[in-house]
C-alpha atoms as a PDB file:
ATOM      1  CA  UNK A   1       0.000   0.000   0.000  1.00  0.00           C
ATOM      2  CA  UNK A   2       1.227   3.531  -0.658  1.00  0.00           C
ATOM      3  CA  UNK A   3       2.220   5.786   2.239  1.00  0.00           C
ATOM      4  CA  UNK A   4      -0.637   7.540   4.047  1.00  0.00           C
ATOM      5  CA  UNK A   5       1.203  10.915   4.206  1.00  0.00           C
ATOM      6  CA  UNK A   6       2.965  12.805   1.438  1.00  0.00           C
ATOM      7  CA  UNK A   7       5.448  15.442   2.551  1.00  0.00           C
ATOM      8  CA  UNK A   8       4.611  18.772   0.905  1.00  0.00           C
ATOM      9  CA  UNK A   9       6.820  21.143   2.898  1.00  0.00           C
ATOM     10  CA  UNK A  10       9.790  21.287   5.248  1.00  0.00           C
ATOM     11  CA  UNK A  11      11.692  18.766   3.151  1.00  0.00           C
ATOM     12  CA  UNK A  12      15.029  20.487   3.844  1.00  0.00           C
ATOM     13  CA  UNK A  13      15.423  19.210   7.419  1.00  0.00           C
ATOM     14  CA  UNK A  14      18.257  16.704   8.099  1.00  0.00           C
ATOM     15  CA  UNK A  15      17.404  13.015   7.488  1.00  0.00           C
ATOM     16  CA  UNK A  16      17.061  10.556  10.370  1.00  0.00           C
ATOM     17  CA  UNK A  17      17.587   6.828   9.785  1.00  0.00           C
ATOM     18  CA  UNK A  18      15.327   4.433  11.714  1.00  0.00           C
ATOM     19  CA  UNK A  19      13.568   1.119  11.120  1.00  0.00           C
ATOM     20  CA  UNK A  20       9.989  -0.130  11.073  1.00  0.00           C
ATOM     21  CA  UNK A  21       9.690  -3.841  11.892  1.00  0.00           C
ATOM     22  CA  UNK A  22      13.395  -4.250  11.011  1.00  0.00           C
ATOM     23  CA  UNK A  23      12.986  -2.532   7.608  1.00  0.00           C
ATOM     24  CA  UNK A  24      15.167   0.550   7.066  1.00  0.00           C
ATOM     25  CA  UNK A  25      13.378   3.869   6.751  1.00  0.00           C
ATOM     26  CA  UNK A  26      14.196   7.586   6.625  1.00  0.00           C
ATOM     27  CA  UNK A  27      12.399  10.418   8.400  1.00  0.00           C
ATOM     28  CA  UNK A  28      13.296  14.052   8.881  1.00  0.00           C
ATOM     29  CA  UNK A  29      14.613  15.591  12.070  1.00  0.00           C
ATOM     30  CA  UNK A  30      11.704  16.899  14.149  1.00  0.00           C
ATOM     31  CA  UNK A  31       9.166  14.365  12.845  1.00  0.00           C
ATOM     32  CA  UNK A  32       7.087  12.437  15.326  1.00  0.00           C
ATOM     33  CA  UNK A  33       7.186   8.654  15.021  1.00  0.00           C
ATOM     34  CA  UNK A  34       3.651   8.853  13.591  1.00  0.00           C
ATOM     35  CA  UNK A  35       4.695  11.191  10.767  1.00  0.00           C
ATOM     36  CA  UNK A  36       7.895   9.211  10.190  1.00  0.00           C
ATOM     37  CA  UNK A  37       5.956   5.956   9.856  1.00  0.00           C
ATOM     38  CA  UNK A  38       3.077   7.289   7.765  1.00  0.00           C
ATOM     39  CA  UNK A  39       5.409   8.859   5.202  1.00  0.00           C
ATOM     40  CA  UNK A  40       6.749   5.313   4.680  1.00  0.00           C
ATOM     41  CA  UNK A  41       3.678   3.093   5.034  1.00  0.00           C
ATOM     42  CA  UNK A  42      -0.113   3.170   5.115  1.00  0.00           C
ATOM     43  CA  UNK A  43      -0.663   2.451   8.808  1.00  0.00           C
ATOM     44  CA  UNK A  44       1.010   2.474  12.218  1.00  0.00           C
ATOM     45  CA  UNK A  45      -0.203  -0.853  13.623  1.00  0.00           C
ATOM     46  CA  UNK A  46      -3.064  -3.350  13.644  1.00  0.00           C
ATOM     47  CA  UNK A  47      -5.965  -2.798  16.033  1.00  0.00           C
ATOM     48  CA  UNK A  48      -5.824  -4.611  19.374  1.00  0.00           C
ATOM     49  CA  UNK A  49      -9.440  -5.604  18.737  1.00  0.00           C
ATOM     50  CA  UNK A  50      -9.033  -7.206  15.312  1.00  0.00           C
ATOM     51  CA  UNK A  51     -10.813  -4.519  13.328  1.00  0.00           C
ATOM     52  CA  UNK A  52      -7.950  -3.666  10.973  1.00  0.00           C
ATOM     53  CA  UNK A  53      -5.073  -1.281  10.481  1.00  0.00           C
ATOM     54  CA  UNK A  54      -4.757   1.877  12.552  1.00  0.00           C
ATOM     55  CA  UNK A  55      -3.148   5.162  11.489  1.00  0.00           C
ATOM     56  CA  UNK A  56      -3.674   7.331  14.551  1.00  0.00           C
ATOM     57  CA  UNK A  57      -6.838   9.281  15.188  1.00  0.00           C
ATOM     58  CA  UNK A  58      -6.555  12.323  17.429  1.00  0.00           C
ATOM     59  CA  UNK A  59      -2.874  13.163  16.719  1.00  0.00           C
ATOM     60  CA  UNK A  60      -2.515  14.623  20.233  1.00  0.00           C
ATOM     61  CA  UNK A  61      -1.958  11.637  22.541  1.00  0.00           C
ATOM     62  CA  UNK A  62      -5.489  11.116  23.823  1.00  0.00           C
ATOM     63  CA  UNK A  63      -7.105   8.343  21.773  1.00  0.00           C
ATOM     64  CA  UNK A  64      -4.638   5.447  22.346  1.00  0.00           C
ATOM     65  CA  UNK A  65      -4.768   4.580  18.627  1.00  0.00           C
ATOM     66  CA  UNK A  66      -1.069   5.032  17.773  1.00  0.00           C
ATOM     67  CA  UNK A  67       0.771   2.893  20.342  1.00  0.00           C
ATOM     68  CA  UNK A  68       3.938   1.299  18.924  1.00  0.00           C
ATOM     69  CA  UNK A  69       6.928  -0.407  20.536  1.00  0.00           C
ATOM     70  CA  UNK A  70      10.648   0.263  20.610  1.00  0.00           C
ATOM     71  CA  UNK A  71      13.183  -2.596  20.455  1.00  0.00           C
ATOM     72  CA  UNK A  72      13.582  -2.583  24.263  1.00  0.00           C
ATOM     73  CA  UNK A  73       9.849  -3.295  24.643  1.00  0.00           C
ATOM     74  CA  UNK A  74       8.927   0.264  25.649  1.00  0.00           C
ATOM     75  CA  UNK A  75       5.473   1.192  24.378  1.00  0.00           C
ATOM     76  CA  UNK A  76       5.166   4.782  23.134  1.00  0.00           C
ATOM     77  CA  UNK A  77       2.552   6.974  21.513  1.00  0.00           C
ATOM     78  CA  UNK A  78       3.728   7.555  17.961  1.00  0.00           C
ATOM     79  CA  UNK A  79       1.888  10.876  17.677  1.00  0.00           C
ATOM     80  CA  UNK A  80       3.721  12.540  20.561  1.00  0.00           C
ATOM     81  CA  UNK A  81       7.164  10.877  20.483  1.00  0.00           C
ATOM     82  CA  UNK A  82       9.874  12.454  18.338  1.00  0.00           C
ATOM     83  CA  UNK A  83      11.792  10.151  16.009  1.00  0.00           C
ATOM     84  CA  UNK A  84      15.459   9.647  16.921  1.00  0.00           C
ATOM     85  CA  UNK A  85      18.425   8.446  14.897  1.00  0.00           C
ATOM     86  CA  UNK A  86      18.664   4.658  14.784  1.00  0.00           C
ATOM     87  CA  UNK A  87      15.480   3.888  16.731  1.00  0.00           C
ATOM     88  CA  UNK A  88      13.797   0.580  15.901  1.00  0.00           C
ATOM     89  CA  UNK A  89      10.000   0.877  15.876  1.00  0.00           C
ATOM     90  CA  UNK A  90       7.723  -2.153  15.901  1.00  0.00           C
ATOM     91  CA  UNK A  91       4.053  -2.390  14.989  1.00  0.00           C
ATOM     92  CA  UNK A  92       3.657  -5.390  17.330  1.00  0.00           C
ATOM     93  CA  UNK A  93       5.253  -5.972  20.717  1.00  0.00           C
ATOM     94  CA  UNK A  94       8.737  -7.436  20.105  1.00  0.00           C
ATOM     95  CA  UNK A  95       9.491 -10.811  21.627  1.00  0.00           C
ATOM     96  CA  UNK A  96      12.172 -10.826  24.319  1.00  0.00           C
ATOM     97  CA  UNK A  97      14.167 -13.672  25.741  1.00  0.00           C
END
């Protein structure tokens, strides 16, 4: 599926390398994880309730629709967490152990 977001402005910011489910991706410095992911793919994660893909809803940290995981198992809201160089983002909780 094509990306959900298309960047129309602010394309001159420095690039930030990260990964989504172990696939390399590029965002721009200052992007939230939500923006970084949706400029690469069509959704952020699958619903916890089995009703399909989710792409965020409120975009302000209130709706609980954009939870993703970092490689260390930390769960974060994609809409209010800034992307950082080298971060690994997962659409499902990563297995540990």
